[in-house]
C-alpha atoms as a PDB file:
ATOM      1  CA  UNK A   1      -0.016   0.012  -0.020  1.00  0.00           C
ATOM      2  CA  UNK A   2       1.315   3.397  -0.920  1.00  0.00           C
ATOM      3  CA  UNK A   3       1.738   5.851   1.962  1.00  0.00           C
ATOM      4  CA  UNK A   4      -0.228   9.137   1.646  1.00  0.00           C
ATOM      5  CA  UNK A   5       0.350  11.527   4.456  1.00  0.00           C
ATOM      6  CA  UNK A   6      -1.022  14.992   4.325  1.00  0.00           C
ATOM      7  CA  UNK A   7      -1.395  17.998   6.778  1.00  0.00           C
ATOM      8  CA  UNK A   8      -4.305  20.293   6.262  1.00  0.00           C
ATOM      9  CA  UNK A   9      -5.130  23.487   8.071  1.00  0.00           C
ATOM     10  CA  UNK A  10      -8.895  24.102   8.748  1.00  0.00           C
ATOM     11  CA  UNK A  11      -8.424  26.956  11.272  1.00  0.00           C
ATOM     12  CA  UNK A  12     -10.248  30.288  10.676  1.00  0.00           C
ATOM     13  CA  UNK A  13      -8.127  33.405  10.965  1.00  0.00           C
ATOM     14  CA  UNK A  14      -9.588  33.945  14.450  1.00  0.00           C
ATOM     15  CA  UNK A  15      -8.740  30.426  15.510  1.00  0.00           C
ATOM     16  CA  UNK A  16      -5.030  30.871  14.667  1.00  0.00           C
ATOM     17  CA  UNK A  17      -4.689  32.893  17.793  1.00  0.00           C
ATOM     18  CA  UNK A  18      -6.800  30.604  19.986  1.00  0.00           C
ATOM     19  CA  UNK A  19      -4.856  29.102  22.969  1.00  0.00           C
ATOM     20  CA  UNK A  20      -4.729  25.411  23.570  1.00  0.00           C
ATOM     21  CA  UNK A  21      -3.164  23.103  26.135  1.00  0.00           C
ATOM     22  CA  UNK A  22      -0.418  20.850  24.751  1.00  0.00           C
ATOM     23  CA  UNK A  23      -0.437  17.178  25.477  1.00  0.00           C
ATOM     24  CA  UNK A  24       2.277  17.502  28.169  1.00  0.00           C
ATOM     25  CA  UNK A  25       0.790  20.632  29.536  1.00  0.00           C
ATOM     26  CA  UNK A  26       3.716  22.825  28.354  1.00  0.00           C
ATOM     27  CA  UNK A  27       4.998  23.349  24.749  1.00  0.00           C
ATOM     28  CA  UNK A  28       8.642  22.914  25.745  1.00  0.00           C
ATOM     29  CA  UNK A  29       7.948  19.413  27.116  1.00  0.00           C
ATOM     30  CA  UNK A  30       6.357  18.097  23.861  1.00  0.00           C
ATOM     31  CA  UNK A  31       9.620  16.734  22.464  1.00  0.00           C
ATOM     32  CA  UNK A  32       9.425  14.182  25.441  1.00  0.00           C
ATOM     33  CA  UNK A  33       5.877  13.276  24.798  1.00  0.00           C
ATOM     34  CA  UNK A  34       6.396   9.959  22.903  1.00  0.00           C
ATOM     35  CA  UNK A  35       9.072   8.789  25.333  1.00  0.00           C
ATOM     36  CA  UNK A  36       6.953   9.642  28.222  1.00  0.00           C
ATOM     37  CA  UNK A  37       3.921   7.816  26.761  1.00  0.00           C
ATOM     38  CA  UNK A  38       5.980   4.782  26.318  1.00  0.00           C
ATOM     39  CA  UNK A  39       7.459   4.485  29.848  1.00  0.00           C
ATOM     40  CA  UNK A  40       4.039   5.399  31.273  1.00  0.00           C
ATOM     41  CA  UNK A  41       2.251   2.468  29.444  1.00  0.00           C
ATOM     42  CA  UNK A  42      -0.099   4.678  27.429  1.00  0.00           C
ATOM     43  CA  UNK A  43       0.379   2.293  24.447  1.00  0.00           C
ATOM     44  CA  UNK A  44      -1.476  -0.342  26.257  1.00  0.00           C
ATOM     45  CA  UNK A  45      -4.393   2.088  26.801  1.00  0.00           C
ATOM     46  CA  UNK A  46      -4.432   2.878  23.110  1.00  0.00           C
ATOM     47  CA  UNK A  47      -4.540  -0.819  22.126  1.00  0.00           C
ATOM     48  CA  UNK A  48      -7.529  -1.303  24.473  1.00  0.00           C
ATOM     49  CA  UNK A  49      -9.262   1.696  22.918  1.00  0.00           C
ATOM     50  CA  UNK A  50      -8.651   0.236  19.483  1.00  0.00           C
ATOM     51  CA  UNK A  51     -10.218  -3.056  20.566  1.00  0.00           C
ATOM     52  CA  UNK A  52     -13.316  -1.267  21.791  1.00  0.00           C
ATOM     53  CA  UNK A  53     -13.658   0.945  18.787  1.00  0.00           C
ATOM     54  CA  UNK A  54     -13.480  -2.137  16.569  1.00  0.00           C
ATOM     55  CA  UNK A  55     -12.822  -0.249  13.290  1.00  0.00           C
ATOM     56  CA  UNK A  56     -13.537  -2.347  10.089  1.00  0.00           C
ATOM     57  CA  UNK A  57     -11.836  -2.257   6.626  1.00  0.00           C
ATOM     58  CA  UNK A  58     -12.515   0.875   4.619  1.00  0.00           C
ATOM     59  CA  UNK A  59     -14.244   2.584   7.557  1.00  0.00           C
ATOM     60  CA  UNK A  60     -13.784   6.355   8.084  1.00  0.00           C
ATOM     61  CA  UNK A  61     -12.410   7.452  11.469  1.00  0.00           C
ATOM     62  CA  UNK A  62     -11.545  10.868  12.970  1.00  0.00           C
ATOM     63  CA  UNK A  63      -9.161  10.863  15.980  1.00  0.00           C
ATOM     64  CA  UNK A  64      -9.939  13.985  17.891  1.00  0.00           C
ATOM     65  CA  UNK A  65      -6.965  15.449  19.725  1.00  0.00           C
ATOM     66  CA  UNK A  66      -4.592  13.026  17.998  1.00  0.00           C
ATOM     67  CA  UNK A  67      -1.393  14.767  19.144  1.00  0.00           C
ATOM     68  CA  UNK A  68       1.623  12.892  17.807  1.00  0.00           C
ATOM     69  CA  UNK A  69      -0.519  10.270  16.320  1.00  0.00           C
ATOM     70  CA  UNK A  70      -0.132   7.431  18.542  1.00  0.00           C
ATOM     71  CA  UNK A  71      -3.873   6.435  18.711  1.00  0.00           C
ATOM     72  CA  UNK A  72      -4.224   6.896  14.957  1.00  0.00           C
ATOM     73  CA  UNK A  73      -1.185   4.739  14.246  1.00  0.00           C
ATOM     74  CA  UNK A  74      -2.493   1.999  16.642  1.00  0.00           C
ATOM     75  CA  UNK A  75      -5.791   2.066  14.710  1.00  0.00           C
ATOM     76  CA  UNK A  76      -3.949   1.642  11.426  1.00  0.00           C
ATOM     77  CA  UNK A  77      -1.712  -1.149  12.860  1.00  0.00           C
ATOM     78  CA  UNK A  78      -4.802  -3.039  13.705  1.00  0.00           C
ATOM     79  CA  UNK A  79      -6.730  -2.190  10.634  1.00  0.00           C
ATOM     80  CA  UNK A  80      -4.477  -0.983   7.763  1.00  0.00           C
ATOM     81  CA  UNK A  81      -7.391  -0.478   5.461  1.00  0.00           C
ATOM     82  CA  UNK A  82      -9.179   2.075   7.733  1.00  0.00           C
ATOM     83  CA  UNK A  83      -9.405   5.651   6.573  1.00  0.00           C
ATOM     84  CA  UNK A  84      -7.913   7.616   9.469  1.00  0.00           C
ATOM     85  CA  UNK A  85      -7.917  11.397   9.965  1.00  0.00           C
ATOM     86  CA  UNK A  86      -6.160  12.993  12.931  1.00  0.00           C
ATOM     87  CA  UNK A  87      -7.353  16.288  14.350  1.00  0.00           C
ATOM     88  CA  UNK A  88      -5.237  18.507  16.694  1.00  0.00           C
ATOM     89  CA  UNK A  89      -4.571  22.283  17.173  1.00  0.00           C
ATOM     90  CA  UNK A  90      -0.812  21.644  17.737  1.00  0.00           C
ATOM     91  CA  UNK A  91       1.015  21.970  14.390  1.00  0.00           C
ATOM     92  CA  UNK A  92       4.344  20.653  15.936  1.00  0.00           C
ATOM     93  CA  UNK A  93       2.578  17.441  17.084  1.00  0.00           C
ATOM     94  CA  UNK A  94       1.019  16.942  13.695  1.00  0.00           C
ATOM     95  CA  UNK A  95       4.290  17.220  11.908  1.00  0.00           C
ATOM     96  CA  UNK A  96       5.660  14.625  14.197  1.00  0.00           C
ATOM     97  CA  UNK A  97       2.751  12.352  13.600  1.00  0.00           C
ATOM     98  CA  UNK A  98       3.342  12.819   9.849  1.00  0.00           C
ATOM     99  CA  UNK A  99       6.996  11.814  10.200  1.00  0.00           C
ATOM    100  CA  UNK A 100       5.984   8.648  12.157  1.00  0.00           C
ATOM    101  CA  UNK A 101       3.329   7.729   9.624  1.00  0.00           C
ATOM    102  CA  UNK A 102       5.684   8.035   6.772  1.00  0.00           C
ATOM    103  CA  UNK A 103       8.247   5.868   8.523  1.00  0.00           C
ATOM    104  CA  UNK A 104       5.586   3.269   9.056  1.00  0.00           C
ATOM    105  CA  UNK A 105       4.439   3.384   5.400  1.00  0.00           C
ATOM    106  CA  UNK A 106       0.787   4.203   6.257  1.00  0.00           C
ATOM    107  CA  UNK A 107      -1.673   6.679   4.962  1.00  0.00           C
ATOM    108  CA  UNK A 108      -2.886   9.274   7.382  1.00  0.00           C
ATOM    109  CA  UNK A 109      -4.684  12.574   6.926  1.00  0.00           C
ATOM    110  CA  UNK A 110      -3.820  15.193   9.603  1.00  0.00           C
ATOM    111  CA  UNK A 111      -5.899  18.366  10.104  1.00  0.00           C
ATOM    112  CA  UNK A 112      -4.844  21.321  12.296  1.00  0.00           C
ATOM    113  CA  UNK A 113      -8.046  22.515  14.129  1.00  0.00           C
ATOM    114  CA  UNK A 114     -10.216  22.148  17.193  1.00  0.00           C
ATOM    115  CA  UNK A 115     -12.391  19.540  18.721  1.00  0.00           C
ATOM    116  CA  UNK A 116     -15.597  21.541  18.161  1.00  0.00           C
ATOM    117  CA  UNK A 117     -15.356  21.314  14.374  1.00  0.00           C
ATOM    118  CA  UNK A 118     -14.680  17.765  13.239  1.00  0.00           C
ATOM    119  CA  UNK A 119     -13.251  17.660   9.595  1.00  0.00           C
ATOM    120  CA  UNK A 120     -16.077  15.528   8.022  1.00  0.00           C
ATOM    121  CA  UNK A 121     -19.387  15.937   6.153  1.00  0.00           C
ATOM    122  CA  UNK A 122     -22.681  15.224   7.903  1.00  0.00           C
ATOM    123  CA  UNK A 123     -23.296  11.540   8.587  1.00  0.00           C
ATOM    124  CA  UNK A 124     -19.996  10.513   6.844  1.00  0.00           C
ATOM    125  CA  UNK A 125     -18.019   8.894   9.592  1.00  0.00           C
ATOM    126  CA  UNK A 126     -18.073   5.379  10.953  1.00  0.00           C
ATOM    127  CA  UNK A 127     -16.094   6.191  14.108  1.00  0.00           C
ATOM    128  CA  UNK A 128     -15.038   9.150  16.132  1.00  0.00           C
ATOM    129  CA  UNK A 129     -12.269   8.302  18.681  1.00  0.00           C
ATOM    130  CA  UNK A 130     -10.358  10.329  21.143  1.00  0.00           C
ATOM    131  CA  UNK A 131      -7.652   9.498  23.702  1.00  0.00           C
ATOM    132  CA  UNK A 132      -6.642  11.527  26.725  1.00  0.00           C
ATOM    133  CA  UNK A 133      -7.650  14.781  25.045  1.00  0.00           C
ATOM    134  CA  UNK A 134     -11.145  15.672  26.295  1.00  0.00           C
ATOM    135  CA  UNK A 135      -9.713  16.739  29.643  1.00  0.00           C
ATOM    136  CA  UNK A 136      -7.787  19.480  27.767  1.00  0.00           C
ATOM    137  CA  UNK A 137     -11.112  20.978  26.547  1.00  0.00           C
ATOM    138  CA  UNK A 138     -13.130  23.577  28.236  1.00  0.00           C
ATOM    139  CA  UNK A 139     -16.980  23.264  29.009  1.00  0.00           C
ATOM    140  CA  UNK A 140     -18.108  24.927  25.715  1.00  0.00           C
ATOM    141  CA  UNK A 141     -15.699  22.949  23.681  1.00  0.00           C
ATOM    142  CA  UNK A 142     -16.663  19.657  25.265  1.00  0.00           C
ATOM    143  CA  UNK A 143     -20.423  20.227  24.527  1.00  0.00           C
ATOM    144  CA  UNK A 144     -19.559  21.357  20.968  1.00  0.00           C
ATOM    145  CA  UNK A 145     -17.372  18.288  20.454  1.00  0.00           C
ATOM    146  CA  UNK A 146     -20.107  15.924  21.503  1.00  0.00           C
ATOM    147  CA  UNK A 147     -22.589  17.613  19.248  1.00  0.00           C
ATOM    148  CA  UNK A 148     -20.368  17.784  16.238  1.00  0.00           C
ATOM    149  CA  UNK A 149     -19.400  14.056  16.703  1.00  0.00           C
ATOM    150  CA  UNK A 150     -23.094  13.315  16.538  1.00  0.00           C
ATOM    151  CA  UNK A 151     -23.461  15.392  13.397  1.00  0.00           C
ATOM    152  CA  UNK A 152     -20.507  13.781  11.569  1.00  0.00           C
ATOM    153  CA  UNK A 153     -21.308  10.125  12.456  1.00  0.00           C
ATOM    154  CA  UNK A 154     -23.516   8.116  10.143  1.00  0.00           C
ATOM    155  CA  UNK A 155     -26.494   6.220  11.820  1.00  0.00           C
ATOM    156  CA  UNK A 156     -24.935   3.319  13.553  1.00  0.00           C
ATOM    157  CA  UNK A 157     -21.642   5.118  13.813  1.00  0.00           C
ATOM    158  CA  UNK A 158     -19.855   5.105  17.208  1.00  0.00           C
ATOM    159  CA  UNK A 159     -17.802   7.419  19.384  1.00  0.00           C
ATOM    160  CA  UNK A 160     -15.164   5.912  21.591  1.00  0.00           C
ATOM    161  CA  UNK A 161     -13.489   8.091  24.304  1.00  0.00           C
ATOM    162  CA  UNK A 162     -10.537   7.153  26.488  1.00  0.00           C
ATOM    163  CA  UNK A 163      -9.862   9.654  29.140  1.00  0.00           C
ATOM    164  CA  UNK A 164      -9.493  10.282  32.971  1.00  0.00           C
ATOM    165  CA  UNK A 165     -12.906   9.700  34.623  1.00  0.00           C
ATOM    166  CA  UNK A 166     -14.567   7.881  37.354  1.00  0.00           C
ATOM    167  CA  UNK A 167     -13.228   7.988  40.939  1.00  0.00           C
ATOM    168  CA  UNK A 168      -9.599   8.808  41.133  1.00  0.00           C
ATOM    169  CA  UNK A 169      -7.601   6.172  43.006  1.00  0.00           C
ATOM    170  CA  UNK A 170      -4.232   6.027  44.740  1.00  0.00           C
ATOM    171  CA  UNK A 171      -3.508   2.477  43.671  1.00  0.00           C
ATOM    172  CA  UNK A 172      -0.539   3.774  41.756  1.00  0.00           C
ATOM    173  CA  UNK A 173       1.130   4.841  44.983  1.00  0.00           C
ATOM    174  CA  UNK A 174       1.803   1.168  45.704  1.00  0.00           C
ATOM    175  CA  UNK A 175       3.399   0.211  42.306  1.00  0.00           C
ATOM    176  CA  UNK A 176       3.584   3.115  40.027  1.00  0.00           C
ATOM    177  CA  UNK A 177       5.438   6.355  40.180  1.00  0.00           C
ATOM    178  CA  UNK A 178       7.077   5.668  43.559  1.00  0.00           C
ATOM    179  CA  UNK A 179       7.499   1.972  43.084  1.00  0.00           C
ATOM    180  CA  UNK A 180      10.863   0.274  43.056  1.00  0.00           C
ATOM    181  CA  UNK A 181      13.576   0.014  45.718  1.00  0.00           C
ATOM    182  CA  UNK A 182      16.703   2.209  45.255  1.00  0.00           C
ATOM    183  CA  UNK A 183      14.986   4.671  42.842  1.00  0.00           C
ATOM    184  CA  UNK A 184      13.649   7.270  45.157  1.00  0.00           C
ATOM    185  CA  UNK A 185      16.677   9.584  44.503  1.00  0.00           C
ATOM    186  CA  UNK A 186      19.269  10.125  41.835  1.00  0.00           C
ATOM    187  CA  UNK A 187      19.684  12.033  38.568  1.00  0.00           C
ATOM    188  CA  UNK A 188      19.606  11.368  34.886  1.00  0.00           C
ATOM    189  CA  UNK A 189      16.818  10.830  32.287  1.00  0.00           C
ATOM    190  CA  UNK A 190      15.013   8.190  34.213  1.00  0.00           C
ATOM    191  CA  UNK A 191      14.873  10.128  37.419  1.00  0.00           C
ATOM    192  CA  UNK A 192      13.600  13.215  35.360  1.00  0.00           C
ATOM    193  CA  UNK A 193      10.897  10.999  33.848  1.00  0.00           C
ATOM    194  CA  UNK A 194       9.776   9.741  37.243  1.00  0.00           C
ATOM    195  CA  UNK A 195       9.669  13.338  38.494  1.00  0.00           C
ATOM    196  CA  UNK A 196       7.674  14.331  35.372  1.00  0.00           C
ATOM    197  CA  UNK A 197       5.254  11.414  36.152  1.00  0.00           C
ATOM    198  CA  UNK A 198       4.699  12.856  39.514  1.00  0.00           C
ATOM    199  CA  UNK A 199       3.967  16.275  38.011  1.00  0.00           C
ATOM    200  CA  UNK A 200       1.541  14.885  35.414  1.00  0.00           C
ATOM    201  CA  UNK A 201      -0.290  12.910  38.024  1.00  0.00           C
ATOM    202  CA  UNK A 202      -0.740  16.050  40.166  1.00  0.00           C
ATOM    203  CA  UNK A 203      -1.823  18.093  37.121  1.00  0.00           C
ATOM    204  CA  UNK A 204      -4.424  15.423  36.318  1.00  0.00           C
ATOM    205  CA  UNK A 205      -5.737  15.407  39.888  1.00  0.00           C
ATOM    206  CA  UNK A 206      -6.014  19.196  40.191  1.00  0.00           C
ATOM    207  CA  UNK A 207      -7.358  19.750  36.628  1.00  0.00           C
ATOM    208  CA  UNK A 208     -10.899  21.241  36.907  1.00  0.00           C
ATOM    209  CA  UNK A 209     -11.918  19.832  33.546  1.00  0.00           C
ATOM    210  CA  UNK A 210     -10.997  16.363  34.639  1.00  0.00           C
ATOM    211  CA  UNK A 211     -13.330  16.871  37.530  1.00  0.00           C
ATOM    212  CA  UNK A 212     -16.131  17.077  34.874  1.00  0.00           C
ATOM    213  CA  UNK A 213     -15.245  13.599  33.638  1.00  0.00           C
ATOM    214  CA  UNK A 214     -15.703  12.027  37.211  1.00  0.00           C
ATOM    215  CA  UNK A 215     -18.513   9.652  37.878  1.00  0.00           C
ATOM    216  CA  UNK A 216     -20.559   9.486  34.630  1.00  0.00           C
ATOM    217  CA  UNK A 217     -19.376  12.789  33.294  1.00  0.00           C
ATOM    218  CA  UNK A 218     -18.419  11.660  29.865  1.00  0.00           C
ATOM    219  CA  UNK A 219     -21.456   9.331  29.686  1.00  0.00           C
ATOM    220  CA  UNK A 220     -23.724  12.247  30.525  1.00  0.00           C
ATOM    221  CA  UNK A 221     -22.031  14.561  28.075  1.00  0.00           C
ATOM    222  CA  UNK A 222     -22.636  12.091  25.192  1.00  0.00           C
ATOM    223  CA  UNK A 223     -26.137  11.295  26.259  1.00  0.00           C
ATOM    224  CA  UNK A 224     -27.151  14.948  26.537  1.00  0.00           C
ATOM    225  CA  UNK A 225     -25.746  15.494  23.004  1.00  0.00           C
ATOM    226  CA  UNK A 226     -28.192  12.927  21.610  1.00  0.00           C
ATOM    227  CA  UNK A 227     -26.223   9.639  21.612  1.00  0.00           C
ATOM    228  CA  UNK A 228     -27.868   6.402  22.497  1.00  0.00           C
ATOM    229  CA  UNK A 229     -26.429   3.630  24.664  1.00  0.00           C
ATOM    230  CA  UNK A 230     -23.556   5.802  26.155  1.00  0.00           C
ATOM    231  CA  UNK A 231     -21.765   3.718  28.668  1.00  0.00           C
ATOM    232  CA  UNK A 232     -18.457   2.981  30.269  1.00  0.00           C
ATOM    233  CA  UNK A 233     -17.185  -0.333  28.671  1.00  0.00           C
ATOM    234  CA  UNK A 234     -13.975  -0.600  30.567  1.00  0.00           C
ATOM    235  CA  UNK A 235     -11.604   1.278  32.923  1.00  0.00           C
ATOM    236  CA  UNK A 236      -8.030   1.043  34.026  1.00  0.00           C
ATOM    237  CA  UNK A 237      -6.513   2.244  37.247  1.00  0.00           C
ATOM    238  CA  UNK A 238      -3.427   3.991  35.781  1.00  0.00           C
ATOM    239  CA  UNK A 239      -0.639   5.519  37.667  1.00  0.00           C
ATOM    240  CA  UNK A 240      -2.085   8.968  36.960  1.00  0.00           C
ATOM    241  CA  UNK A 241      -5.653   8.048  38.017  1.00  0.00           C
ATOM    242  CA  UNK A 242      -8.624   6.051  36.773  1.00  0.00           C
ATOM    243  CA  UNK A 243      -8.886   6.007  32.981  1.00  0.00           C
ATOM    244  CA  UNK A 244     -12.300   5.240  31.527  1.00  0.00           C
ATOM    245  CA  UNK A 245     -13.360   4.068  28.051  1.00  0.00           C
ATOM    246  CA  UNK A 246     -16.731   5.294  27.090  1.00  0.00           C
ATOM    247  CA  UNK A 247     -18.703   4.261  23.912  1.00  0.00           C
ATOM    248  CA  UNK A 248     -21.892   5.502  22.444  1.00  0.00           C
ATOM    249  CA  UNK A 249     -23.766   4.991  19.182  1.00  0.00           C
ATOM    250  CA  UNK A 250     -25.683   7.353  16.885  1.00  0.00           C
ATOM    251  CA  UNK A 251     -29.069   5.837  15.922  1.00  0.00           C
END
């Protein structure tokens, strides 16, 4: 299969000055994003989300908040014949996603834009997916995303969201960030990544938008937008807190 990787910009002139929160919280940390994701076990979360989404050959998918393309690439690894588009406001992350897609020889369309305007015609998508992005979006953006996902999905199409949600736990204290004897102190890249893990966990716990995901927050968001059968289908007690996977269908 011939690789076709494109980056498009759908932002309006006004949106070009719109602020956004990068995946690591700070733009200067983004070069570490993929390394941090690997050591934090995010790849396993992506693979579980791919299983839940269950994308078929030839189906059209938009990955909202795709960042450096890890979920999009996991989708294509599982289903190479899917038609995947990644959406994110961060141009630097999209360029990194494009380089990764070219190295893997897969086709991927990347669009610079925001979650409230999904790049698809009405009722044209089979799937909308999103991983660890919704907690970066403010209240108005969350509502607009849910409504636009409903607009873009065909009848029978599904939305699958993986994000922090449900009750936060401290299970990670026993075997996560602070685990391992002889690693509480020191210097070097691994010490820095452990410290960064602590900062990320703290940021998640204190993020007011994450609080909107707690309990049935994501389920309620999708149900109020008009989706049927919105429900949590799985959850993982990650070192940063509970991660929920929510799925819903457009009738």
